[in-house]
Amino acid sequence: MNVLNFEEARHNMVVQQIQPWNVRDDKVLELIQTLPREDFVPAKYKEHAFTDMFIPLGNGQEMLSPKLEAYILQALQVHDKEKVLEIGTGTGYMTGLLASQARHVITVDIHEEFQHKAKEVLEAHNIKNVTFEVGDAHLGWDEHKPYDVIVVTGSMPVLPESFQRNLNVGGRLIAIVGDAPAMELIMITRVSDNEWSHKSLLETCVPALINAVEPERFVL
C-alpha cells in the first residue's frame, strides 16, 4: 500500500465502520483521521490496520477494533485539563488518541516489550505527554491517583471497587466486564465522594486483563 491508499482506507474506515456505530463527534472523527493507525499495528498486520477486527498482538492480547476505540473516545469526552490512566498499553494507538485530547496520560502494561514499541511510535508522532509504567494493574494503579479518566483495555469478569475509588469526583471509568461471549462495555462516573453512576454502553468481547479478579463460582 502507498500513502494515498492508506489515506483512502482510513477515510473508508471512518465512513463505513465508525460513523454507523453512532460515533458522530467531530473531534473524535478528526482525530481518527489524523493519527495514522497503520503506524501502530504490528508490521505483519499493517494492511489490516483499518479492518473491522481485533488484531493479535502476542501474549494473548489483541488491539481493539477501530469502531470500539472511537466509541470509547466519544463516550469519555476527554478534555485538555484531564489526567488519564490507561491500563493496557498494547500498541500505543489508544494511548495516542487519549494523549491527543488529555493533559497527560499514564499508561500501564504488564508487558514491557509492548511499551518500548509504543513509546517509539508515539515519540515519532511527537506525542510526549505520556508516562509509561510497567506493572500489574489488575486492581488499579494507585501511583498517580486520583484520575479524571480511567480506560481499561482488557476485560475483567468482575470490576474491583478500587478502580472507581481512584477517580476524581466527575471522573469517568470505562471497562469491559463479564465472561465470554457476553461482556459489557460499561461507564462509571463518580458523582460524589461516596456515589457513582453506572451505565451499560454495549456488548462486546475482548481478551481478559492478565490476573483479572475472578468471581466466586459455585461448583456442584
N, C-alpha and C. Protein backbone atom coordinates (compact mmCIF):
# COMPACT_ATOMS: atom_id res chain seq x y z
N MET A 1 0.83 -1.20 0.00
CA MET A 1 0.00 0.00 0.00
C MET A 1 0.87 1.26 0.00
N ASN A 2 0.48 2.27 -0.75
CA ASN A 2 1.20 3.53 -0.67
C ASN A 2 0.43 4.49 0.23
N VAL A 3 0.98 5.67 0.41
CA VAL A 3 0.39 6.62 1.34
C VAL A 3 -1.04 6.98 0.96
N LEU A 4 -1.28 7.18 -0.33
CA LEU A 4 -2.61 7.55 -0.80
C LEU A 4 -3.63 6.48 -0.45
N ASN A 5 -3.25 5.22 -0.60
CA ASN A 5 -4.16 4.13 -0.27
C ASN A 5 -4.46 4.08 1.23
N PHE A 6 -3.46 4.34 2.04
CA PHE A 6 -3.70 4.37 3.48
C PHE A 6 -4.71 5.47 3.82
N GLU A 7 -4.56 6.62 3.23
CA GLU A 7 -5.48 7.73 3.50
C GLU A 7 -6.90 7.37 3.07
N GLU A 8 -7.02 6.73 1.94
CA GLU A 8 -8.34 6.32 1.46
C GLU A 8 -8.95 5.26 2.37
N ALA A 9 -8.12 4.31 2.78
CA ALA A 9 -8.59 3.24 3.67
C ALA A 9 -9.03 3.81 5.02
N ARG A 10 -8.29 4.79 5.52
CA ARG A 10 -8.64 5.42 6.79
C ARG A 10 -9.97 6.15 6.68
N HIS A 11 -10.16 6.86 5.58
CA HIS A 11 -11.43 7.57 5.35
C HIS A 11 -12.58 6.57 5.26
N ASN A 12 -12.38 5.48 4.53
CA ASN A 12 -13.43 4.46 4.40
C ASN A 12 -13.77 3.83 5.75
N MET A 13 -12.74 3.62 6.57
CA MET A 13 -12.96 3.06 7.91
C MET A 13 -13.90 3.96 8.72
N VAL A 14 -13.66 5.26 8.65
CA VAL A 14 -14.49 6.22 9.40
C VAL A 14 -15.93 6.20 8.88
N VAL A 15 -16.07 6.23 7.57
CA VAL A 15 -17.41 6.33 6.96
C VAL A 15 -18.19 5.01 7.08
N GLN A 16 -17.50 3.88 6.87
CA GLN A 16 -18.20 2.60 6.79
C GLN A 16 -18.30 1.84 8.10
N GLN A 17 -17.37 2.09 9.03
CA GLN A 17 -17.38 1.36 10.29
C GLN A 17 -17.73 2.23 11.50
N ILE A 18 -17.07 3.38 11.59
CA ILE A 18 -17.16 4.17 12.82
C ILE A 18 -18.43 5.00 12.89
N GLN A 19 -18.74 5.74 11.84
CA GLN A 19 -19.96 6.56 11.86
C GLN A 19 -21.24 5.72 12.00
N PRO A 20 -21.35 4.55 11.35
CA PRO A 20 -22.55 3.73 11.55
C PRO A 20 -22.73 3.24 12.99
N TRP A 21 -21.68 3.34 13.80
CA TRP A 21 -21.77 2.96 15.21
C TRP A 21 -22.16 4.17 16.06
N ASN A 22 -22.77 5.15 15.41
CA ASN A 22 -23.24 6.37 16.09
C ASN A 22 -22.10 7.17 16.73
N VAL A 23 -20.93 7.09 16.11
CA VAL A 23 -19.83 7.97 16.53
C VAL A 23 -19.88 9.18 15.60
N ARG A 24 -20.39 10.29 16.13
CA ARG A 24 -20.61 11.48 15.29
C ARG A 24 -19.85 12.70 15.82
N ASP A 25 -19.09 12.52 16.89
CA ASP A 25 -18.33 13.63 17.47
C ASP A 25 -17.24 14.07 16.49
N ASP A 26 -17.31 15.31 16.03
CA ASP A 26 -16.37 15.79 15.01
C ASP A 26 -14.92 15.72 15.49
N LYS A 27 -14.68 16.02 16.76
CA LYS A 27 -13.31 15.99 17.28
C LYS A 27 -12.75 14.56 17.27
N VAL A 28 -13.58 13.60 17.61
CA VAL A 28 -13.15 12.20 17.60
C VAL A 28 -12.88 11.74 16.17
N LEU A 29 -13.77 12.06 15.26
CA LEU A 29 -13.61 11.65 13.87
C LEU A 29 -12.36 12.28 13.24
N GLU A 30 -12.13 13.53 13.57
CA GLU A 30 -10.94 14.21 13.04
C GLU A 30 -9.65 13.59 13.59
N LEU A 31 -9.68 13.23 14.86
CA LEU A 31 -8.51 12.61 15.48
C LEU A 31 -8.22 11.25 14.86
N ILE A 32 -9.27 10.46 14.62
CA ILE A 32 -9.10 9.15 13.99
C ILE A 32 -8.52 9.32 12.58
N GLN A 33 -8.97 10.35 11.89
CA GLN A 33 -8.46 10.62 10.53
C GLN A 33 -7.01 11.08 10.55
N THR A 34 -6.60 11.72 11.65
CA THR A 34 -5.28 12.34 11.71
C THR A 34 -4.18 11.40 12.18
N LEU A 35 -4.45 10.63 13.24
CA LEU A 35 -3.42 9.75 13.79
C LEU A 35 -3.36 8.45 12.99
N PRO A 36 -2.25 8.18 12.30
CA PRO A 36 -2.19 7.05 11.37
C PRO A 36 -2.14 5.70 12.07
N ARG A 37 -3.26 5.02 12.10
CA ARG A 37 -3.37 3.73 12.79
C ARG A 37 -2.38 2.71 12.23
N GLU A 38 -2.08 2.82 10.95
CA GLU A 38 -1.18 1.84 10.32
C GLU A 38 0.22 1.86 10.91
N ASP A 39 0.60 2.96 11.54
CA ASP A 39 1.93 3.04 12.15
C ASP A 39 2.00 2.30 13.48
N PHE A 40 0.86 1.95 14.04
CA PHE A 40 0.83 1.33 15.37
C PHE A 40 0.61 -0.18 15.34
N VAL A 41 0.00 -0.69 14.30
CA VAL A 41 -0.28 -2.12 14.26
C VAL A 41 1.01 -2.90 14.02
N PRO A 42 1.08 -4.17 14.46
CA PRO A 42 2.25 -4.99 14.13
C PRO A 42 2.46 -5.05 12.62
N ALA A 43 3.72 -5.08 12.20
CA ALA A 43 4.06 -4.96 10.78
C ALA A 43 3.31 -5.96 9.91
N LYS A 44 3.15 -7.20 10.37
CA LYS A 44 2.52 -8.21 9.52
C LYS A 44 1.02 -7.99 9.35
N TYR A 45 0.45 -7.10 10.17
CA TYR A 45 -0.98 -6.80 10.05
C TYR A 45 -1.24 -5.40 9.50
N LYS A 46 -0.20 -4.77 8.97
CA LYS A 46 -0.33 -3.38 8.54
C LYS A 46 -1.45 -3.18 7.53
N GLU A 47 -1.62 -4.12 6.62
CA GLU A 47 -2.67 -3.98 5.60
C GLU A 47 -4.07 -4.16 6.20
N HIS A 48 -4.13 -4.64 7.44
CA HIS A 48 -5.43 -4.81 8.11
C HIS A 48 -5.67 -3.71 9.15
N ALA A 49 -4.87 -2.65 9.11
CA ALA A 49 -4.97 -1.59 10.11
C ALA A 49 -6.36 -0.98 10.18
N PHE A 50 -7.10 -0.99 9.07
CA PHE A 50 -8.40 -0.32 9.03
C PHE A 50 -9.55 -1.32 8.89
N THR A 51 -9.24 -2.59 9.13
CA THR A 51 -10.26 -3.64 9.05
C THR A 51 -11.02 -3.71 10.37
N ASP A 52 -12.30 -4.07 10.29
CA ASP A 52 -13.14 -4.22 11.48
C ASP A 52 -12.80 -5.54 12.16
N MET A 53 -11.70 -5.53 12.91
CA MET A 53 -11.24 -6.76 13.56
C MET A 53 -10.38 -6.40 14.77
N PHE A 54 -10.20 -7.40 15.64
CA PHE A 54 -9.28 -7.29 16.76
C PHE A 54 -7.95 -7.88 16.30
N ILE A 55 -6.90 -7.09 16.27
CA ILE A 55 -5.62 -7.52 15.72
C ILE A 55 -4.77 -8.17 16.83
N PRO A 56 -4.29 -9.41 16.60
CA PRO A 56 -3.45 -10.09 17.61
C PRO A 56 -2.13 -9.34 17.84
N LEU A 57 -1.75 -9.25 19.11
CA LEU A 57 -0.52 -8.55 19.48
C LEU A 57 0.53 -9.47 20.08
N GLY A 58 0.17 -10.73 20.30
CA GLY A 58 1.05 -11.63 21.05
C GLY A 58 0.70 -11.59 22.52
N ASN A 59 1.24 -12.55 23.27
CA ASN A 59 0.98 -12.66 24.71
C ASN A 59 -0.51 -12.77 25.02
N GLY A 60 -1.28 -13.29 24.06
CA GLY A 60 -2.71 -13.47 24.28
C GLY A 60 -3.51 -12.19 24.25
N GLN A 61 -2.90 -11.09 23.80
CA GLN A 61 -3.58 -9.79 23.79
C GLN A 61 -3.99 -9.40 22.37
N GLU A 62 -4.96 -8.50 22.27
CA GLU A 62 -5.45 -8.03 20.97
C GLU A 62 -5.65 -6.52 20.99
N MET A 63 -5.49 -5.91 19.82
CA MET A 63 -5.78 -4.50 19.64
C MET A 63 -7.29 -4.35 19.42
N LEU A 64 -7.91 -3.43 20.12
CA LEU A 64 -9.35 -3.23 19.96
C LEU A 64 -9.68 -2.86 18.52
N SER A 65 -10.90 -3.14 18.10
CA SER A 65 -11.33 -2.77 16.75
C SER A 65 -11.44 -1.25 16.64
N PRO A 66 -11.29 -0.70 15.44
CA PRO A 66 -11.35 0.76 15.26
C PRO A 66 -12.65 1.38 15.77
N LYS A 67 -13.77 0.72 15.51
CA LYS A 67 -15.05 1.32 15.90
C LYS A 67 -15.22 1.32 17.42
N LEU A 68 -14.65 0.31 18.10
CA LEU A 68 -14.74 0.29 19.56
C LEU A 68 -13.85 1.36 20.18
N GLU A 69 -12.66 1.56 19.61
CA GLU A 69 -11.77 2.63 20.08
C GLU A 69 -12.46 4.00 19.95
N ALA A 70 -13.06 4.24 18.80
CA ALA A 70 -13.73 5.52 18.56
C ALA A 70 -14.94 5.70 19.48
N TYR A 71 -15.68 4.63 19.69
CA TYR A 71 -16.87 4.68 20.55
C TYR A 71 -16.47 5.04 21.98
N ILE A 72 -15.39 4.44 22.46
CA ILE A 72 -14.90 4.72 23.81
C ILE A 72 -14.49 6.18 23.94
N LEU A 73 -13.76 6.68 22.94
CA LEU A 73 -13.34 8.08 22.97
C LEU A 73 -14.53 9.02 23.03
N GLN A 74 -15.54 8.74 22.23
CA GLN A 74 -16.72 9.61 22.21
C GLN A 74 -17.44 9.57 23.55
N ALA A 75 -17.54 8.38 24.14
CA ALA A 75 -18.24 8.24 25.42
C ALA A 75 -17.53 8.99 26.55
N LEU A 76 -16.20 9.00 26.52
CA LEU A 76 -15.43 9.59 27.61
C LEU A 76 -15.38 11.11 27.57
N GLN A 77 -15.40 11.70 26.37
CA GLN A 77 -15.33 13.16 26.25
C GLN A 77 -14.15 13.74 27.05
N VAL A 78 -12.96 13.24 26.77
CA VAL A 78 -11.75 13.70 27.46
C VAL A 78 -11.44 15.14 27.05
N HIS A 79 -11.01 15.98 28.01
CA HIS A 79 -10.61 17.34 27.65
C HIS A 79 -9.20 17.64 28.13
N ASP A 80 -8.68 18.78 27.73
CA ASP A 80 -7.24 19.03 27.82
C ASP A 80 -6.72 19.40 29.21
N LYS A 81 -7.56 19.36 30.23
CA LYS A 81 -7.09 19.59 31.60
C LYS A 81 -7.09 18.29 32.40
N GLU A 82 -7.40 17.19 31.75
CA GLU A 82 -7.62 15.94 32.49
C GLU A 82 -6.40 15.01 32.47
N LYS A 83 -6.28 14.28 33.58
CA LYS A 83 -5.24 13.25 33.71
C LYS A 83 -5.90 11.89 33.51
N VAL A 84 -5.32 11.10 32.61
CA VAL A 84 -5.92 9.83 32.20
C VAL A 84 -5.03 8.67 32.61
N LEU A 85 -5.65 7.62 33.12
CA LEU A 85 -4.96 6.34 33.35
C LEU A 85 -5.45 5.34 32.31
N GLU A 86 -4.51 4.77 31.55
CA GLU A 86 -4.84 3.70 30.62
C GLU A 86 -4.20 2.42 31.11
N ILE A 87 -5.00 1.39 31.28
CA ILE A 87 -4.47 0.09 31.70
C ILE A 87 -4.51 -0.84 30.49
N GLY A 88 -3.31 -1.20 30.03
CA GLY A 88 -3.16 -2.00 28.81
C GLY A 88 -2.71 -1.11 27.67
N THR A 89 -1.41 -0.89 27.56
CA THR A 89 -0.87 0.00 26.53
C THR A 89 -1.03 -0.58 25.13
N GLY A 90 -0.81 -1.89 25.01
CA GLY A 90 -0.89 -2.52 23.69
C GLY A 90 0.07 -1.89 22.70
N THR A 91 -0.44 -1.47 21.56
CA THR A 91 0.40 -0.87 20.53
C THR A 91 0.67 0.61 20.77
N GLY A 92 -0.09 1.22 21.68
CA GLY A 92 0.05 2.65 21.93
C GLY A 92 -0.90 3.51 21.11
N TYR A 93 -1.73 2.90 20.27
CA TYR A 93 -2.64 3.70 19.44
C TYR A 93 -3.71 4.39 20.30
N MET A 94 -4.35 3.62 21.16
CA MET A 94 -5.35 4.22 22.06
C MET A 94 -4.68 5.24 22.98
N THR A 95 -3.46 4.94 23.39
CA THR A 95 -2.69 5.89 24.21
C THR A 95 -2.55 7.22 23.48
N GLY A 96 -2.20 7.15 22.20
CA GLY A 96 -2.03 8.35 21.39
C GLY A 96 -3.32 9.12 21.21
N LEU A 97 -4.42 8.42 21.01
CA LEU A 97 -5.72 9.08 20.87
C LEU A 97 -6.07 9.83 22.16
N LEU A 98 -5.87 9.16 23.30
CA LEU A 98 -6.17 9.78 24.60
C LEU A 98 -5.25 10.97 24.86
N ALA A 99 -3.96 10.80 24.57
CA ALA A 99 -2.98 11.86 24.82
C ALA A 99 -3.23 13.08 23.96
N SER A 100 -3.83 12.87 22.79
CA SER A 100 -4.14 13.99 21.90
C SER A 100 -5.28 14.85 22.44
N GLN A 101 -6.03 14.30 23.40
CA GLN A 101 -7.14 15.03 23.99
C GLN A 101 -6.86 15.50 25.42
N ALA A 102 -6.04 14.75 26.15
CA ALA A 102 -5.86 14.96 27.58
C ALA A 102 -4.65 15.85 27.88
N ARG A 103 -4.57 16.26 29.15
CA ARG A 103 -3.37 16.96 29.61
C ARG A 103 -2.20 15.98 29.73
N HIS A 104 -2.49 14.80 30.31
CA HIS A 104 -1.43 13.81 30.48
C HIS A 104 -2.05 12.42 30.58
N VAL A 105 -1.33 11.43 30.08
CA VAL A 105 -1.77 10.03 30.15
C VAL A 105 -0.70 9.21 30.86
N ILE A 106 -1.13 8.43 31.86
CA ILE A 106 -0.27 7.41 32.45
C ILE A 106 -0.74 6.08 31.88
N THR A 107 0.12 5.37 31.19
CA THR A 107 -0.28 4.11 30.60
C THR A 107 0.54 2.98 31.22
N VAL A 108 -0.15 1.93 31.64
CA VAL A 108 0.47 0.83 32.37
C VAL A 108 0.25 -0.47 31.59
N ASP A 109 1.32 -1.26 31.46
CA ASP A 109 1.19 -2.57 30.83
C ASP A 109 2.10 -3.55 31.54
N ILE A 110 1.67 -4.79 31.63
CA ILE A 110 2.48 -5.81 32.29
C ILE A 110 3.59 -6.30 31.38
N HIS A 111 3.45 -6.03 30.06
CA HIS A 111 4.44 -6.47 29.07
C HIS A 111 5.34 -5.30 28.68
N GLU A 112 6.57 -5.32 29.13
CA GLU A 112 7.49 -4.21 28.88
C GLU A 112 7.77 -4.02 27.40
N GLU A 113 7.79 -5.13 26.63
CA GLU A 113 8.09 -5.01 25.20
C GLU A 113 7.01 -4.22 24.46
N PHE A 114 5.75 -4.32 24.90
CA PHE A 114 4.68 -3.52 24.30
C PHE A 114 4.99 -2.04 24.47
N GLN A 115 5.42 -1.68 25.67
CA GLN A 115 5.64 -0.27 25.96
C GLN A 115 6.83 0.30 25.19
N HIS A 116 7.87 -0.48 25.02
CA HIS A 116 9.03 0.00 24.25
C HIS A 116 8.61 0.39 22.83
N LYS A 117 7.84 -0.50 22.19
CA LYS A 117 7.40 -0.24 20.82
C LYS A 117 6.44 0.95 20.76
N ALA A 118 5.51 0.98 21.71
CA ALA A 118 4.53 2.08 21.73
C ALA A 118 5.21 3.42 21.93
N LYS A 119 6.18 3.46 22.82
CA LYS A 119 6.88 4.72 23.10
C LYS A 119 7.60 5.23 21.86
N GLU A 120 8.24 4.33 21.11
CA GLU A 120 8.95 4.71 19.89
C GLU A 120 8.00 5.36 18.88
N VAL A 121 6.84 4.72 18.68
CA VAL A 121 5.89 5.22 17.68
C VAL A 121 5.29 6.55 18.13
N LEU A 122 4.93 6.65 19.40
CA LEU A 122 4.34 7.89 19.90
C LEU A 122 5.33 9.05 19.82
N GLU A 123 6.57 8.79 20.16
CA GLU A 123 7.59 9.84 20.07
C GLU A 123 7.81 10.26 18.61
N ALA A 124 7.73 9.29 17.70
CA ALA A 124 7.87 9.61 16.27
C ALA A 124 6.75 10.53 15.80
N HIS A 125 5.60 10.47 16.47
CA HIS A 125 4.47 11.35 16.13
C HIS A 125 4.39 12.55 17.06
N ASN A 126 5.47 12.80 17.78
CA ASN A 126 5.59 13.98 18.64
C ASN A 126 4.53 14.01 19.75
N ILE A 127 4.15 12.85 20.21
CA ILE A 127 3.21 12.74 21.34
C ILE A 127 4.04 12.45 22.58
N LYS A 128 4.17 13.45 23.45
CA LYS A 128 5.12 13.35 24.56
C LYS A 128 4.48 13.45 25.94
N ASN A 129 3.20 13.71 26.00
CA ASN A 129 2.53 13.87 27.30
C ASN A 129 2.04 12.52 27.84
N VAL A 130 2.95 11.55 27.83
CA VAL A 130 2.62 10.19 28.26
C VAL A 130 3.70 9.68 29.21
N THR A 131 3.28 9.09 30.32
CA THR A 131 4.19 8.40 31.24
C THR A 131 3.94 6.90 31.09
N PHE A 132 5.01 6.16 30.82
CA PHE A 132 4.92 4.70 30.63
C PHE A 132 5.36 4.00 31.90
N GLU A 133 4.53 3.11 32.41
CA GLU A 133 4.88 2.35 33.61
C GLU A 133 4.56 0.88 33.40
N VAL A 134 5.50 0.04 33.82
CA VAL A 134 5.34 -1.41 33.68
C VAL A 134 4.87 -1.99 35.01
N GLY A 135 3.82 -2.79 34.96
CA GLY A 135 3.35 -3.40 36.19
C GLY A 135 2.02 -4.10 36.01
N ASP A 136 1.58 -4.72 37.06
CA ASP A 136 0.32 -5.46 37.09
C ASP A 136 -0.76 -4.56 37.68
N ALA A 137 -1.66 -4.10 36.84
CA ALA A 137 -2.67 -3.13 37.27
C ALA A 137 -4.07 -3.74 37.32
N HIS A 138 -4.15 -5.05 37.62
CA HIS A 138 -5.47 -5.68 37.62
C HIS A 138 -6.36 -5.21 38.77
N LEU A 139 -5.75 -4.52 39.75
CA LEU A 139 -6.54 -3.93 40.84
C LEU A 139 -6.54 -2.41 40.79
N GLY A 140 -6.09 -1.87 39.66
CA GLY A 140 -5.98 -0.42 39.51
C GLY A 140 -4.52 0.00 39.60
N TRP A 141 -4.29 1.30 39.67
CA TRP A 141 -2.93 1.83 39.72
C TRP A 141 -2.94 3.07 40.60
N ASP A 142 -2.47 2.88 41.84
CA ASP A 142 -2.56 3.93 42.85
C ASP A 142 -1.49 5.02 42.71
N GLU A 143 -0.47 4.75 41.90
CA GLU A 143 0.73 5.58 41.87
C GLU A 143 0.44 7.07 41.67
N HIS A 144 -0.48 7.39 40.79
CA HIS A 144 -0.74 8.81 40.45
C HIS A 144 -2.19 9.22 40.71
N LYS A 145 -2.91 8.45 41.51
CA LYS A 145 -4.32 8.74 41.76
C LYS A 145 -4.47 10.06 42.51
N PRO A 146 -5.66 10.66 42.40
CA PRO A 146 -6.84 10.25 41.62
C PRO A 146 -6.72 10.66 40.15
N TYR A 147 -7.56 10.03 39.33
CA TYR A 147 -7.56 10.27 37.89
C TYR A 147 -8.90 10.87 37.46
N ASP A 148 -8.85 11.62 36.37
CA ASP A 148 -10.09 12.16 35.79
C ASP A 148 -10.76 11.14 34.87
N VAL A 149 -9.93 10.30 34.25
CA VAL A 149 -10.42 9.28 33.32
C VAL A 149 -9.60 8.02 33.50
N ILE A 150 -10.27 6.88 33.52
CA ILE A 150 -9.58 5.58 33.52
C ILE A 150 -10.15 4.74 32.39
N VAL A 151 -9.25 4.17 31.59
CA VAL A 151 -9.66 3.28 30.50
C VAL A 151 -8.95 1.94 30.70
N VAL A 152 -9.73 0.86 30.77
CA VAL A 152 -9.16 -0.47 30.89
C VAL A 152 -9.41 -1.20 29.57
N THR A 153 -8.33 -1.54 28.86
CA THR A 153 -8.49 -2.08 27.50
C THR A 153 -8.62 -3.60 27.46
N GLY A 154 -8.42 -4.28 28.61
CA GLY A 154 -8.68 -5.71 28.69
C GLY A 154 -9.94 -5.93 29.51
N SER A 155 -10.56 -7.09 29.33
CA SER A 155 -11.81 -7.36 30.05
C SER A 155 -11.54 -7.92 31.44
N MET A 156 -12.56 -7.85 32.30
CA MET A 156 -12.49 -8.39 33.66
C MET A 156 -13.82 -9.08 33.98
N PRO A 157 -13.78 -10.29 34.54
CA PRO A 157 -15.04 -10.93 34.93
C PRO A 157 -15.83 -10.08 35.92
N VAL A 158 -15.12 -9.46 36.86
CA VAL A 158 -15.74 -8.53 37.80
C VAL A 158 -14.82 -7.31 37.91
N LEU A 159 -15.40 -6.17 38.21
CA LEU A 159 -14.62 -4.94 38.33
C LEU A 159 -14.35 -4.64 39.80
N PRO A 160 -13.08 -4.73 40.23
CA PRO A 160 -12.77 -4.40 41.63
C PRO A 160 -13.16 -2.96 41.96
N GLU A 161 -13.65 -2.75 43.16
CA GLU A 161 -14.11 -1.42 43.58
C GLU A 161 -12.98 -0.40 43.59
N SER A 162 -11.74 -0.89 43.71
CA SER A 162 -10.58 0.02 43.76
C SER A 162 -10.49 0.90 42.52
N PHE A 163 -10.96 0.41 41.38
CA PHE A 163 -10.90 1.21 40.15
C PHE A 163 -11.72 2.49 40.29
N GLN A 164 -12.97 2.35 40.68
CA GLN A 164 -13.83 3.53 40.73
C GLN A 164 -13.43 4.47 41.87
N ARG A 165 -12.80 3.94 42.90
CA ARG A 165 -12.35 4.78 44.01
C ARG A 165 -11.12 5.61 43.62
N ASN A 166 -10.47 5.24 42.52
CA ASN A 166 -9.31 6.00 42.04
C ASN A 166 -9.71 7.19 41.17
N LEU A 167 -11.01 7.41 41.00
CA LEU A 167 -11.49 8.53 40.19
C LEU A 167 -11.66 9.79 41.03
N ASN A 168 -11.39 10.94 40.42
CA ASN A 168 -11.82 12.22 40.96
C ASN A 168 -13.35 12.31 40.89
N VAL A 169 -13.94 13.16 41.68
CA VAL A 169 -15.37 13.45 41.51
C VAL A 169 -15.56 14.06 40.12
N GLY A 170 -16.51 13.53 39.37
CA GLY A 170 -16.70 13.94 37.98
C GLY A 170 -15.92 13.08 37.00
N GLY A 171 -15.05 12.21 37.53
CA GLY A 171 -14.23 11.35 36.68
C GLY A 171 -15.02 10.19 36.08
N ARG A 172 -14.52 9.68 34.95
CA ARG A 172 -15.20 8.60 34.24
C ARG A 172 -14.27 7.40 34.08
N LEU A 173 -14.85 6.23 34.22
CA LEU A 173 -14.13 4.96 34.04
C LEU A 173 -14.84 4.14 32.99
N ILE A 174 -14.07 3.64 32.01
CA ILE A 174 -14.65 2.71 31.05
C ILE A 174 -13.93 1.38 31.18
N ALA A 175 -14.72 0.31 31.27
CA ALA A 175 -14.18 -1.03 31.41
C ALA A 175 -15.09 -2.02 30.71
N ILE A 176 -14.53 -3.17 30.38
CA ILE A 176 -15.28 -4.26 29.74
C ILE A 176 -15.39 -5.37 30.78
N VAL A 177 -16.62 -5.67 31.18
CA VAL A 177 -16.85 -6.54 32.33
C VAL A 177 -17.72 -7.73 31.93
N GLY A 178 -17.34 -8.91 32.43
CA GLY A 178 -18.13 -10.12 32.18
C GLY A 178 -17.27 -11.26 31.67
N ASP A 179 -17.94 -12.36 31.34
CA ASP A 179 -17.28 -13.55 30.81
C ASP A 179 -17.66 -13.74 29.35
N ALA A 180 -16.72 -14.27 28.55
CA ALA A 180 -17.02 -14.56 27.15
C ALA A 180 -18.14 -15.59 27.07
N PRO A 181 -19.04 -15.45 26.07
CA PRO A 181 -19.02 -14.45 25.00
C PRO A 181 -19.83 -13.18 25.31
N ALA A 182 -20.38 -13.10 26.53
CA ALA A 182 -21.27 -11.97 26.86
C ALA A 182 -20.58 -11.01 27.81
N MET A 183 -19.96 -9.97 27.27
CA MET A 183 -19.33 -8.95 28.08
C MET A 183 -19.98 -7.60 27.79
N GLU A 184 -19.91 -6.71 28.76
CA GLU A 184 -20.50 -5.37 28.61
C GLU A 184 -19.43 -4.30 28.69
N LEU A 185 -19.50 -3.34 27.81
CA LEU A 185 -18.72 -2.12 27.94
C LEU A 185 -19.51 -1.20 28.85
N ILE A 186 -18.93 -0.85 29.99
CA ILE A 186 -19.65 -0.01 30.96
C ILE A 186 -18.89 1.28 31.23
N MET A 187 -19.62 2.32 31.60
CA MET A 187 -19.01 3.57 32.03
C MET A 187 -19.51 3.90 33.43
N ILE A 188 -18.57 4.17 34.31
CA ILE A 188 -18.88 4.57 35.68
C ILE A 188 -18.42 6.00 35.88
N THR A 189 -19.28 6.84 36.41
CA THR A 189 -18.95 8.23 36.70
C THR A 189 -19.03 8.46 38.20
N ARG A 190 -17.99 9.08 38.76
CA ARG A 190 -18.03 9.39 40.19
C ARG A 190 -18.80 10.68 40.40
N VAL A 191 -19.94 10.56 41.02
CA VAL A 191 -20.86 11.68 41.19
C VAL A 191 -20.49 12.51 42.43
N SER A 192 -20.04 11.83 43.48
CA SER A 192 -19.64 12.50 44.73
C SER A 192 -18.63 11.60 45.43
N ASP A 193 -18.24 11.98 46.64
CA ASP A 193 -17.24 11.18 47.36
C ASP A 193 -17.68 9.73 47.54
N ASN A 194 -18.97 9.53 47.71
CA ASN A 194 -19.46 8.17 48.01
C ASN A 194 -20.57 7.72 47.07
N GLU A 195 -20.60 8.28 45.86
CA GLU A 195 -21.68 7.92 44.93
C GLU A 195 -21.13 7.83 43.50
N TRP A 196 -21.53 6.76 42.82
CA TRP A 196 -21.10 6.54 41.44
C TRP A 196 -22.32 6.16 40.59
N SER A 197 -22.35 6.63 39.36
CA SER A 197 -23.41 6.20 38.44
C SER A 197 -22.83 5.17 37.48
N HIS A 198 -23.64 4.20 37.09
CA HIS A 198 -23.22 3.13 36.20
C HIS A 198 -24.08 3.14 34.94
N LYS A 199 -23.44 2.98 33.80
CA LYS A 199 -24.17 2.95 32.54
C LYS A 199 -23.61 1.84 31.65
N SER A 200 -24.50 0.99 31.15
CA SER A 200 -24.10 -0.05 30.20
C SER A 200 -24.17 0.54 28.79
N LEU A 201 -23.06 0.44 28.05
CA LEU A 201 -22.98 1.08 26.74
C LEU A 201 -23.28 0.12 25.60
N LEU A 202 -22.66 -1.06 25.62
CA LEU A 202 -22.89 -2.04 24.55
C LEU A 202 -22.28 -3.37 24.94
N GLU A 203 -22.58 -4.40 24.14
CA GLU A 203 -21.99 -5.71 24.35
C GLU A 203 -20.79 -5.90 23.43
N THR A 204 -19.76 -6.55 23.95
CA THR A 204 -18.57 -6.84 23.15
C THR A 204 -17.87 -8.03 23.77
N CYS A 205 -16.70 -8.39 23.28
CA CYS A 205 -15.94 -9.50 23.85
C CYS A 205 -14.47 -9.29 23.51
N VAL A 206 -13.62 -9.14 24.52
CA VAL A 206 -12.19 -8.94 24.31
C VAL A 206 -11.42 -9.82 25.29
N PRO A 207 -10.13 -10.09 25.03
CA PRO A 207 -9.34 -10.91 25.96
C PRO A 207 -9.27 -10.30 27.35
N ALA A 208 -9.14 -11.17 28.34
CA ALA A 208 -9.13 -10.71 29.73
C ALA A 208 -7.81 -10.04 30.08
N LEU A 209 -7.91 -9.09 30.99
CA LEU A 209 -6.74 -8.48 31.59
C LEU A 209 -5.99 -9.57 32.36
N ILE A 210 -4.67 -9.60 32.24
CA ILE A 210 -3.89 -10.62 32.93
C ILE A 210 -4.08 -10.48 34.44
N ASN A 211 -4.33 -11.62 35.10
CA ASN A 211 -4.56 -11.70 36.56
C ASN A 211 -5.86 -11.05 37.00
N ALA A 212 -6.77 -10.81 36.05
CA ALA A 212 -8.05 -10.21 36.42
C ALA A 212 -8.74 -11.02 37.51
N VAL A 213 -9.38 -10.32 38.43
CA VAL A 213 -10.05 -10.96 39.55
C VAL A 213 -11.21 -11.82 39.05
N GLU A 214 -11.27 -13.05 39.53
CA GLU A 214 -12.37 -13.95 39.18
C GLU A 214 -13.43 -13.91 40.27
N PRO A 215 -14.70 -13.97 39.89
CA PRO A 215 -15.75 -14.03 40.91
C PRO A 215 -15.78 -15.40 41.56
N GLU A 216 -16.37 -15.45 42.74
CA GLU A 216 -16.57 -16.75 43.37
C GLU A 216 -17.59 -17.52 42.56
N ARG A 217 -17.26 -18.74 42.22
CA ARG A 217 -18.17 -19.56 41.39
C ARG A 217 -18.58 -20.79 42.17
N PHE A 218 -19.88 -21.10 42.08
CA PHE A 218 -20.40 -22.28 42.78
C PHE A 218 -20.09 -23.52 41.96
N VAL A 219 -19.55 -24.53 42.61
CA VAL A 219 -19.24 -25.80 41.94
C VAL A 219 -20.06 -26.88 42.59
N LEU A 220 -20.84 -27.59 41.76
CA LEU A 220 -21.69 -28.66 42.29
C LEU A 220 -20.88 -29.94 42.40
